[in-house]
């Protein structure tokens, strides 16, 4: 078994590590942007694939990874895990349908609600207490699901036809333009100090520091690492002002903190 995840601010990383650890203490988890990810996946028959949902869709980076390494999936058993702020309908199903095209055996789907990490809009903002409660609830769901999986009973979140209809009409149909391609709308204002943190964190290598300022490219995958980690609060994507900066390690209890990768 191996777990692979794409995580913007730490939510999905935490969920993947916790689930995989409960299923197999010796199993490895790796971020999707790791250069060795494809090679490591090819050596395992059971894969936990996890990512955050964006408007009831999977991030472009995840879609491209699956397609670019299409030969990996044939004959593999895959459990699709989708983290969501509130609702996704068929968040796990988005990857499941694509993986099936490449011969994967989809054994299950799991949806886990985690704190909203979109730092430049007010929607779904909650207090630190509420965030911690969400994380505790998520941990409890993961523990229960892991116990069932060990008995051979896999969750089926997001895999049914009615889930697909809910995801399509709930969000994806209306916001497909935001998730179809990489975004070129990342904005970095004059408050930028050129520290380079955003460039180091970006999974797409989409930010460069030029003449003492961070400069965005056109391949933003909307993970919000840069927005929520910028010490100058100088970066926005959907909005024009940073409302709150979320990172899993800021809101989880100290013993559960796993960082922002």
C-alpha atoms as a PDB file:
ATOM      1  CA  UNK A   1       0.000   0.000   0.000  1.00  0.00           C
ATOM      2  CA  UNK A   2       1.019   3.577  -0.657  1.00  0.00           C
ATOM      3  CA  UNK A   3      -0.725   6.915  -0.219  1.00  0.00           C
ATOM      4  CA  UNK A   4      -0.297   9.788  -2.648  1.00  0.00           C
ATOM      5  CA  UNK A   5      -1.828  13.175  -2.046  1.00  0.00           C
ATOM      6  CA  UNK A   6      -2.086  16.674  -3.393  1.00  0.00           C
ATOM      7  CA  UNK A   7      -2.479  19.067  -0.486  1.00  0.00           C
ATOM      8  CA  UNK A   8      -2.554  22.834  -0.519  1.00  0.00           C
ATOM      9  CA  UNK A   9      -2.558  23.859   3.118  1.00  0.00           C
ATOM     10  CA  UNK A  10      -2.217  20.541   4.925  1.00  0.00           C
ATOM     11  CA  UNK A  11      -5.785  19.228   5.146  1.00  0.00           C
ATOM     12  CA  UNK A  12      -5.418  16.438   2.620  1.00  0.00           C
ATOM     13  CA  UNK A  13      -1.905  15.567   3.774  1.00  0.00           C
ATOM     14  CA  UNK A  14      -3.171  15.014   7.299  1.00  0.00           C
ATOM     15  CA  UNK A  15      -6.130  12.892   6.189  1.00  0.00           C
ATOM     16  CA  UNK A  16      -4.009  10.736   3.889  1.00  0.00           C
ATOM     17  CA  UNK A  17      -1.315  10.127   6.476  1.00  0.00           C
ATOM     18  CA  UNK A  18      -3.831   9.268   9.177  1.00  0.00           C
ATOM     19  CA  UNK A  19      -5.832   6.875   7.004  1.00  0.00           C
ATOM     20  CA  UNK A  20      -2.801   5.089   5.561  1.00  0.00           C
ATOM     21  CA  UNK A  21      -1.161   4.809   8.986  1.00  0.00           C
ATOM     22  CA  UNK A  22      -4.311   3.167  10.387  1.00  0.00           C
ATOM     23  CA  UNK A  23      -4.441   0.711   7.487  1.00  0.00           C
ATOM     24  CA  UNK A  24      -0.738  -0.108   7.382  1.00  0.00           C
ATOM     25  CA  UNK A  25       1.775   1.335   9.838  1.00  0.00           C
ATOM     26  CA  UNK A  26       4.634   0.566   7.446  1.00  0.00           C
ATOM     27  CA  UNK A  27       3.080   2.207   4.373  1.00  0.00           C
ATOM     28  CA  UNK A  28       4.535   5.354   2.854  1.00  0.00           C
ATOM     29  CA  UNK A  29       2.696   8.564   1.894  1.00  0.00           C
ATOM     30  CA  UNK A  30       4.079  11.021  -0.647  1.00  0.00           C
ATOM     31  CA  UNK A  31       3.038  14.363  -2.112  1.00  0.00           C
ATOM     32  CA  UNK A  32       2.009  14.253  -5.755  1.00  0.00           C
ATOM     33  CA  UNK A  33       4.645  16.801  -6.779  1.00  0.00           C
ATOM     34  CA  UNK A  34       7.431  14.548  -5.518  1.00  0.00           C
ATOM     35  CA  UNK A  35       9.655  13.698  -8.492  1.00  0.00           C
ATOM     36  CA  UNK A  36       9.720  10.032  -7.476  1.00  0.00           C
ATOM     37  CA  UNK A  37       5.927   9.720  -7.062  1.00  0.00           C
ATOM     38  CA  UNK A  38       5.214   7.880 -10.311  1.00  0.00           C
ATOM     39  CA  UNK A  39       8.017   5.382  -9.762  1.00  0.00           C
ATOM     40  CA  UNK A  40       6.925   4.659  -6.207  1.00  0.00           C
ATOM     41  CA  UNK A  41       3.290   4.173  -7.237  1.00  0.00           C
ATOM     42  CA  UNK A  42       4.269   1.673  -9.895  1.00  0.00           C
ATOM     43  CA  UNK A  43       5.650  -0.638  -7.186  1.00  0.00           C
ATOM     44  CA  UNK A  44       2.419  -0.956  -5.218  1.00  0.00           C
ATOM     45  CA  UNK A  45      -0.845  -2.756  -5.951  1.00  0.00           C
ATOM     46  CA  UNK A  46      -3.007  -0.710  -3.556  1.00  0.00           C
ATOM     47  CA  UNK A  47      -3.051   3.084  -3.765  1.00  0.00           C
ATOM     48  CA  UNK A  48      -4.818   5.687  -1.649  1.00  0.00           C
ATOM     49  CA  UNK A  49      -5.197   8.747  -3.879  1.00  0.00           C
ATOM     50  CA  UNK A  50      -6.248  11.949  -2.114  1.00  0.00           C
ATOM     51  CA  UNK A  51      -6.878  15.544  -3.126  1.00  0.00           C
ATOM     52  CA  UNK A  52      -8.959  18.613  -2.174  1.00  0.00           C
ATOM     53  CA  UNK A  53     -12.120  19.279  -4.149  1.00  0.00           C
ATOM     54  CA  UNK A  54     -12.475  22.540  -6.067  1.00  0.00           C
ATOM     55  CA  UNK A  55     -16.071  23.392  -7.006  1.00  0.00           C
ATOM     56  CA  UNK A  56     -16.990  19.678  -7.050  1.00  0.00           C
ATOM     57  CA  UNK A  57     -14.043  18.942  -9.310  1.00  0.00           C
ATOM     58  CA  UNK A  58     -10.515  17.654  -8.824  1.00  0.00           C
ATOM     59  CA  UNK A  59      -7.588  20.067  -9.230  1.00  0.00           C
ATOM     60  CA  UNK A  60      -6.061  20.328 -12.698  1.00  0.00           C
ATOM     61  CA  UNK A  61      -2.726  19.152 -11.305  1.00  0.00           C
ATOM     62  CA  UNK A  62      -4.316  15.892 -10.126  1.00  0.00           C
ATOM     63  CA  UNK A  63      -6.088  15.332 -13.433  1.00  0.00           C
ATOM     64  CA  UNK A  64      -2.853  15.864 -15.338  1.00  0.00           C
ATOM     65  CA  UNK A  65      -0.903  13.561 -13.037  1.00  0.00           C
ATOM     66  CA  UNK A  66      -3.383  10.736 -13.632  1.00  0.00           C
ATOM     67  CA  UNK A  67      -3.300  11.247 -17.389  1.00  0.00           C
ATOM     68  CA  UNK A  68       0.461  11.746 -17.654  1.00  0.00           C
ATOM     69  CA  UNK A  69       1.066   8.468 -15.815  1.00  0.00           C
ATOM     70  CA  UNK A  70      -1.816   6.523 -17.331  1.00  0.00           C
ATOM     71  CA  UNK A  71       0.196   3.287 -17.567  1.00  0.00           C
ATOM     72  CA  UNK A  72       0.580   3.146 -13.770  1.00  0.00           C
ATOM     73  CA  UNK A  73      -3.077   2.553 -12.964  1.00  0.00           C
ATOM     74  CA  UNK A  74      -3.869  -0.599 -14.909  1.00  0.00           C
ATOM     75  CA  UNK A  75      -4.758  -3.375 -12.477  1.00  0.00           C
ATOM     76  CA  UNK A  76      -4.145  -1.218  -9.381  1.00  0.00           C
ATOM     77  CA  UNK A  77      -6.671  -1.113  -6.559  1.00  0.00           C
ATOM     78  CA  UNK A  78      -7.383   2.558  -5.781  1.00  0.00           C
ATOM     79  CA  UNK A  79      -9.234   4.198  -2.916  1.00  0.00           C
ATOM     80  CA  UNK A  80     -10.128   7.774  -3.885  1.00  0.00           C
ATOM     81  CA  UNK A  81     -10.225  10.290  -1.032  1.00  0.00           C
ATOM     82  CA  UNK A  82     -11.575  13.815  -1.462  1.00  0.00           C
ATOM     83  CA  UNK A  83     -11.387  16.533   1.170  1.00  0.00           C
ATOM     84  CA  UNK A  84     -14.062  19.214   1.012  1.00  0.00           C
ATOM     85  CA  UNK A  85     -15.080  22.304   2.917  1.00  0.00           C
ATOM     86  CA  UNK A  86     -18.787  21.508   2.834  1.00  0.00           C
ATOM     87  CA  UNK A  87     -20.109  19.542  -0.159  1.00  0.00           C
ATOM     88  CA  UNK A  88     -18.807  18.031  -3.370  1.00  0.00           C
ATOM     89  CA  UNK A  89     -21.373  15.486  -4.515  1.00  0.00           C
ATOM     90  CA  UNK A  90     -18.995  13.254  -6.446  1.00  0.00           C
ATOM     91  CA  UNK A  91     -15.618  14.659  -5.435  1.00  0.00           C
ATOM     92  CA  UNK A  92     -14.042  11.205  -5.163  1.00  0.00           C
ATOM     93  CA  UNK A  93     -15.941  10.069  -8.237  1.00  0.00           C
ATOM     94  CA  UNK A  94     -14.186  12.622 -10.454  1.00  0.00           C
ATOM     95  CA  UNK A  95     -10.868  10.796 -10.128  1.00  0.00           C
ATOM     96  CA  UNK A  96     -12.526   7.378 -10.000  1.00  0.00           C
ATOM     97  CA  UNK A  97     -14.124   7.794 -13.437  1.00  0.00           C
ATOM     98  CA  UNK A  98     -10.846   8.879 -15.003  1.00  0.00           C
ATOM     99  CA  UNK A  99      -8.849   6.130 -13.320  1.00  0.00           C
ATOM    100  CA  UNK A 100     -11.247   3.462 -14.553  1.00  0.00           C
ATOM    101  CA  UNK A 101     -10.447   4.537 -18.119  1.00  0.00           C
ATOM    102  CA  UNK A 102      -6.860   3.512 -17.449  1.00  0.00           C
ATOM    103  CA  UNK A 103      -7.748   0.146 -15.982  1.00  0.00           C
ATOM    104  CA  UNK A 104      -7.811   0.905 -12.254  1.00  0.00           C
ATOM    105  CA  UNK A 105     -10.000  -1.090  -9.885  1.00  0.00           C
ATOM    106  CA  UNK A 106     -11.784   1.523  -7.763  1.00  0.00           C
ATOM    107  CA  UNK A 107     -12.397  -0.141  -4.406  1.00  0.00           C
ATOM    108  CA  UNK A 108     -13.983   2.862  -2.712  1.00  0.00           C
ATOM    109  CA  UNK A 109     -14.441   6.582  -2.274  1.00  0.00           C
ATOM    110  CA  UNK A 110     -14.200   8.677   0.866  1.00  0.00           C
ATOM    111  CA  UNK A 111     -15.283  12.280   1.426  1.00  0.00           C
ATOM    112  CA  UNK A 112     -13.863  14.136   4.429  1.00  0.00           C
ATOM    113  CA  UNK A 113     -14.986  17.608   5.485  1.00  0.00           C
ATOM    114  CA  UNK A 114     -12.091  19.819   6.532  1.00  0.00           C
ATOM    115  CA  UNK A 115     -11.759  23.559   7.239  1.00  0.00           C
ATOM    116  CA  UNK A 116     -12.106  25.920   4.283  1.00  0.00           C
ATOM    117  CA  UNK A 117      -8.704  27.146   3.106  1.00  0.00           C
ATOM    118  CA  UNK A 118      -9.735  29.797   0.574  1.00  0.00           C
ATOM    119  CA  UNK A 119      -8.103  32.756   2.260  1.00  0.00           C
ATOM    120  CA  UNK A 120      -9.327  35.669   0.141  1.00  0.00           C
ATOM    121  CA  UNK A 121     -13.110  35.314   0.332  1.00  0.00           C
ATOM    122  CA  UNK A 122     -15.378  35.377   3.382  1.00  0.00           C
ATOM    123  CA  UNK A 123     -17.404  32.303   2.448  1.00  0.00           C
ATOM    124  CA  UNK A 124     -17.368  29.422   4.970  1.00  0.00           C
ATOM    125  CA  UNK A 125     -15.034  31.174   7.416  1.00  0.00           C
ATOM    126  CA  UNK A 126     -15.108  29.747  10.928  1.00  0.00           C
ATOM    127  CA  UNK A 127     -13.384  30.279  14.255  1.00  0.00           C
ATOM    128  CA  UNK A 128     -10.331  28.366  15.436  1.00  0.00           C
ATOM    129  CA  UNK A 129     -12.598  26.388  17.775  1.00  0.00           C
ATOM    130  CA  UNK A 130     -14.882  25.374  14.898  1.00  0.00           C
ATOM    131  CA  UNK A 131     -11.888  24.449  12.758  1.00  0.00           C
ATOM    132  CA  UNK A 132     -10.563  22.186  15.483  1.00  0.00           C
ATOM    133  CA  UNK A 133     -13.986  20.597  15.885  1.00  0.00           C
ATOM    134  CA  UNK A 134     -14.082  19.885  12.140  1.00  0.00           C
ATOM    135  CA  UNK A 135     -10.652  18.272  12.287  1.00  0.00           C
ATOM    136  CA  UNK A 136     -11.679  16.119  15.255  1.00  0.00           C
ATOM    137  CA  UNK A 137     -14.839  15.039  13.416  1.00  0.00           C
ATOM    138  CA  UNK A 138     -12.770  14.247  10.334  1.00  0.00           C
ATOM    139  CA  UNK A 139     -10.350  12.160  12.401  1.00  0.00           C
ATOM    140  CA  UNK A 140     -13.239  10.205  13.881  1.00  0.00           C
ATOM    141  CA  UNK A 141     -14.645   9.482  10.416  1.00  0.00           C
ATOM    142  CA  UNK A 142     -11.233   8.332   9.197  1.00  0.00           C
ATOM    143  CA  UNK A 143     -10.857   6.019  12.196  1.00  0.00           C
ATOM    144  CA  UNK A 144     -14.278   4.472  11.634  1.00  0.00           C
ATOM    145  CA  UNK A 145     -13.667   4.038   7.918  1.00  0.00           C
ATOM    146  CA  UNK A 146     -10.261   2.469   8.526  1.00  0.00           C
ATOM    147  CA  UNK A 147     -11.839  -0.063  10.893  1.00  0.00           C
ATOM    148  CA  UNK A 148     -14.418  -1.008   8.254  1.00  0.00           C
ATOM    149  CA  UNK A 149     -11.814  -1.208   5.495  1.00  0.00           C
ATOM    150  CA  UNK A 150      -9.778  -3.645   7.586  1.00  0.00           C
ATOM    151  CA  UNK A 151     -12.925  -5.807   7.559  1.00  0.00           C
ATOM    152  CA  UNK A 152     -13.173  -5.499   3.784  1.00  0.00           C
ATOM    153  CA  UNK A 153     -15.983  -2.909   3.812  1.00  0.00           C
ATOM    154  CA  UNK A 154     -15.043   0.138   1.743  1.00  0.00           C
ATOM    155  CA  UNK A 155     -16.843   3.497   1.767  1.00  0.00           C
ATOM    156  CA  UNK A 156     -18.514   4.497  -1.494  1.00  0.00           C
ATOM    157  CA  UNK A 157     -18.734   8.274  -1.113  1.00  0.00           C
ATOM    158  CA  UNK A 158     -19.143  10.066  -4.433  1.00  0.00           C
ATOM    159  CA  UNK A 159     -19.186   6.934  -6.582  1.00  0.00           C
ATOM    160  CA  UNK A 160     -22.883   6.571  -7.347  1.00  0.00           C
ATOM    161  CA  UNK A 161     -24.776   8.086 -10.277  1.00  0.00           C
ATOM    162  CA  UNK A 162     -26.843  10.339  -8.044  1.00  0.00           C
ATOM    163  CA  UNK A 163     -23.613  11.665  -6.500  1.00  0.00           C
ATOM    164  CA  UNK A 164     -22.462  12.630  -9.980  1.00  0.00           C
ATOM    165  CA  UNK A 165     -25.715  14.482 -10.646  1.00  0.00           C
ATOM    166  CA  UNK A 166     -25.394  16.293  -7.306  1.00  0.00           C
ATOM    167  CA  UNK A 167     -21.820  17.337  -8.040  1.00  0.00           C
ATOM    168  CA  UNK A 168     -22.638  18.398 -11.591  1.00  0.00           C
ATOM    169  CA  UNK A 169     -25.656  20.532 -10.803  1.00  0.00           C
ATOM    170  CA  UNK A 170     -24.531  21.558  -7.330  1.00  0.00           C
ATOM    171  CA  UNK A 171     -21.301  23.255  -8.428  1.00  0.00           C
ATOM    172  CA  UNK A 172     -19.336  21.833 -11.334  1.00  0.00           C
ATOM    173  CA  UNK A 173     -21.697  22.889 -14.119  1.00  0.00           C
ATOM    174  CA  UNK A 174     -21.679  26.502 -12.955  1.00  0.00           C
ATOM    175  CA  UNK A 175     -17.999  26.801 -12.043  1.00  0.00           C
ATOM    176  CA  UNK A 176     -16.370  24.498 -14.589  1.00  0.00           C
ATOM    177  CA  UNK A 177     -14.542  27.437 -16.134  1.00  0.00           C
ATOM    178  CA  UNK A 178     -12.600  27.936 -12.906  1.00  0.00           C
ATOM    179  CA  UNK A 179     -11.326  24.354 -12.735  1.00  0.00           C
ATOM    180  CA  UNK A 180     -10.997  23.328 -16.413  1.00  0.00           C
ATOM    181  CA  UNK A 181      -7.496  24.765 -16.824  1.00  0.00           C
ATOM    182  CA  UNK A 182      -4.728  26.246 -14.733  1.00  0.00           C
ATOM    183  CA  UNK A 183      -5.427  29.797 -13.609  1.00  0.00           C
ATOM    184  CA  UNK A 184      -3.544  32.917 -14.665  1.00  0.00           C
ATOM    185  CA  UNK A 185      -5.361  35.102 -12.125  1.00  0.00           C
ATOM    186  CA  UNK A 186      -2.990  34.879  -9.187  1.00  0.00           C
ATOM    187  CA  UNK A 187      -2.299  38.420  -7.985  1.00  0.00           C
ATOM    188  CA  UNK A 188       0.715  39.634  -5.999  1.00  0.00           C
ATOM    189  CA  UNK A 189       0.515  43.226  -4.812  1.00  0.00           C
ATOM    190  CA  UNK A 190       3.074  45.832  -3.756  1.00  0.00           C
ATOM    191  CA  UNK A 191       3.133  44.547  -0.181  1.00  0.00           C
ATOM    192  CA  UNK A 192       5.333  41.670  -1.408  1.00  0.00           C
ATOM    193  CA  UNK A 193       8.789  41.750   0.218  1.00  0.00           C
ATOM    194  CA  UNK A 194      10.371  39.246  -2.146  1.00  0.00           C
ATOM    195  CA  UNK A 195      11.056  36.692   0.606  1.00  0.00           C
ATOM    196  CA  UNK A 196      10.546  33.837  -1.863  1.00  0.00           C
ATOM    197  CA  UNK A 197       8.451  31.639   0.435  1.00  0.00           C
ATOM    198  CA  UNK A 198       5.621  31.411  -2.089  1.00  0.00           C
ATOM    199  CA  UNK A 199       8.013  30.319  -4.840  1.00  0.00           C
ATOM    200  CA  UNK A 200       9.429  27.572  -2.641  1.00  0.00           C
ATOM    201  CA  UNK A 201       5.977  26.290  -1.638  1.00  0.00           C
ATOM    202  CA  UNK A 202       4.282  26.326  -5.047  1.00  0.00           C
ATOM    203  CA  UNK A 203       3.748  22.747  -6.298  1.00  0.00           C
ATOM    204  CA  UNK A 204       3.623  23.970  -9.892  1.00  0.00           C
ATOM    205  CA  UNK A 205       6.767  26.138  -9.699  1.00  0.00           C
ATOM    206  CA  UNK A 206       4.423  28.870 -10.898  1.00  0.00           C
ATOM    207  CA  UNK A 207       6.009  31.727  -8.930  1.00  0.00           C
ATOM    208  CA  UNK A 208       9.440  33.265  -9.423  1.00  0.00           C
ATOM    209  CA  UNK A 209      11.210  36.085  -7.618  1.00  0.00           C
ATOM    210  CA  UNK A 210      12.402  38.736 -10.045  1.00  0.00           C
ATOM    211  CA  UNK A 211      14.014  42.046  -9.097  1.00  0.00           C
ATOM    212  CA  UNK A 212      13.113  41.508  -5.455  1.00  0.00           C
ATOM    213  CA  UNK A 213       9.404  40.757  -6.064  1.00  0.00           C
ATOM    214  CA  UNK A 214       7.398  37.575  -6.529  1.00  0.00           C
ATOM    215  CA  UNK A 215       5.945  37.206 -10.018  1.00  0.00           C
ATOM    216  CA  UNK A 216       3.163  34.696 -10.825  1.00  0.00           C
ATOM    217  CA  UNK A 217       2.861  32.643 -13.999  1.00  0.00           C
ATOM    218  CA  UNK A 218      -0.200  31.150 -15.658  1.00  0.00           C
ATOM    219  CA  UNK A 219      -0.170  27.645 -14.143  1.00  0.00           C
ATOM    220  CA  UNK A 220      -1.811  28.181 -10.759  1.00  0.00           C
ATOM    221  CA  UNK A 221      -3.598  25.052  -9.560  1.00  0.00           C
ATOM    222  CA  UNK A 222      -5.539  26.979  -6.886  1.00  0.00           C
ATOM    223  CA  UNK A 223      -4.041  25.171  -3.909  1.00  0.00           C
ATOM    224  CA  UNK A 224      -3.807  28.362  -1.806  1.00  0.00           C
ATOM    225  CA  UNK A 225      -0.436  27.523  -0.275  1.00  0.00           C
ATOM    226  CA  UNK A 226       1.012  30.873  -1.271  1.00  0.00           C
ATOM    227  CA  UNK A 227      -2.039  32.915  -0.272  1.00  0.00           C
ATOM    228  CA  UNK A 228      -2.218  31.380   3.181  1.00  0.00           C
ATOM    229  CA  UNK A 229       1.520  31.357   3.862  1.00  0.00           C
ATOM    230  CA  UNK A 230       2.544  34.816   2.669  1.00  0.00           C
ATOM    231  CA  UNK A 231       3.841  36.774   5.699  1.00  0.00           C
ATOM    232  CA  UNK A 232       2.942  40.062   3.984  1.00  0.00           C
ATOM    233  CA  UNK A 233      -0.578  38.894   2.991  1.00  0.00           C
ATOM    234  CA  UNK A 234       0.290  40.120  -0.481  1.00  0.00           C
ATOM    235  CA  UNK A 235      -1.209  37.317  -2.586  1.00  0.00           C
ATOM    236  CA  UNK A 236      -4.812  36.776  -3.685  1.00  0.00           C
ATOM    237  CA  UNK A 237      -6.584  34.625  -6.259  1.00  0.00           C
ATOM    238  CA  UNK A 238     -10.385  34.703  -6.152  1.00  0.00           C
ATOM    239  CA  UNK A 239     -10.706  37.888  -4.136  1.00  0.00           C
ATOM    240  CA  UNK A 240      -8.656  41.061  -3.860  1.00  0.00           C
ATOM    241  CA  UNK A 241      -7.975  41.082  -0.115  1.00  0.00           C
ATOM    242  CA  UNK A 242      -6.757  38.363   2.209  1.00  0.00           C
ATOM    243  CA  UNK A 243      -9.567  37.685   4.675  1.00  0.00           C
ATOM    244  CA  UNK A 244      -7.923  34.913   6.695  1.00  0.00           C
ATOM    245  CA  UNK A 245      -4.893  32.696   6.369  1.00  0.00           C
ATOM    246  CA  UNK A 246      -5.528  29.018   6.978  1.00  0.00           C
ATOM    247  CA  UNK A 247      -2.955  26.274   7.448  1.00  0.00           C
ATOM    248  CA  UNK A 248      -3.673  22.941   9.008  1.00  0.00           C
ATOM    249  CA  UNK A 249      -0.792  23.284  11.451  1.00  0.00           C
ATOM    250  CA  UNK A 250      -2.269  26.521  12.799  1.00  0.00           C
ATOM    251  CA  UNK A 251      -5.621  24.972  13.682  1.00  0.00           C
ATOM    252  CA  UNK A 252      -4.926  21.357  14.583  1.00  0.00           C
ATOM    253  CA  UNK A 253      -3.888  20.337  18.065  1.00  0.00           C
ATOM    254  CA  UNK A 254      -0.115  20.309  18.477  1.00  0.00           C
ATOM    255  CA  UNK A 255       0.161  16.514  18.516  1.00  0.00           C
ATOM    256  CA  UNK A 256      -1.782  16.269  15.223  1.00  0.00           C
ATOM    257  CA  UNK A 257       0.115  19.002  13.371  1.00  0.00           C
ATOM    258  CA  UNK A 258       1.704  17.837  10.135  1.00  0.00           C
ATOM    259  CA  UNK A 259       2.669  21.075   8.408  1.00  0.00           C
ATOM    260  CA  UNK A 260       1.460  22.723   5.221  1.00  0.00           C
ATOM    261  CA  UNK A 261       2.928  20.584   2.446  1.00  0.00           C
END
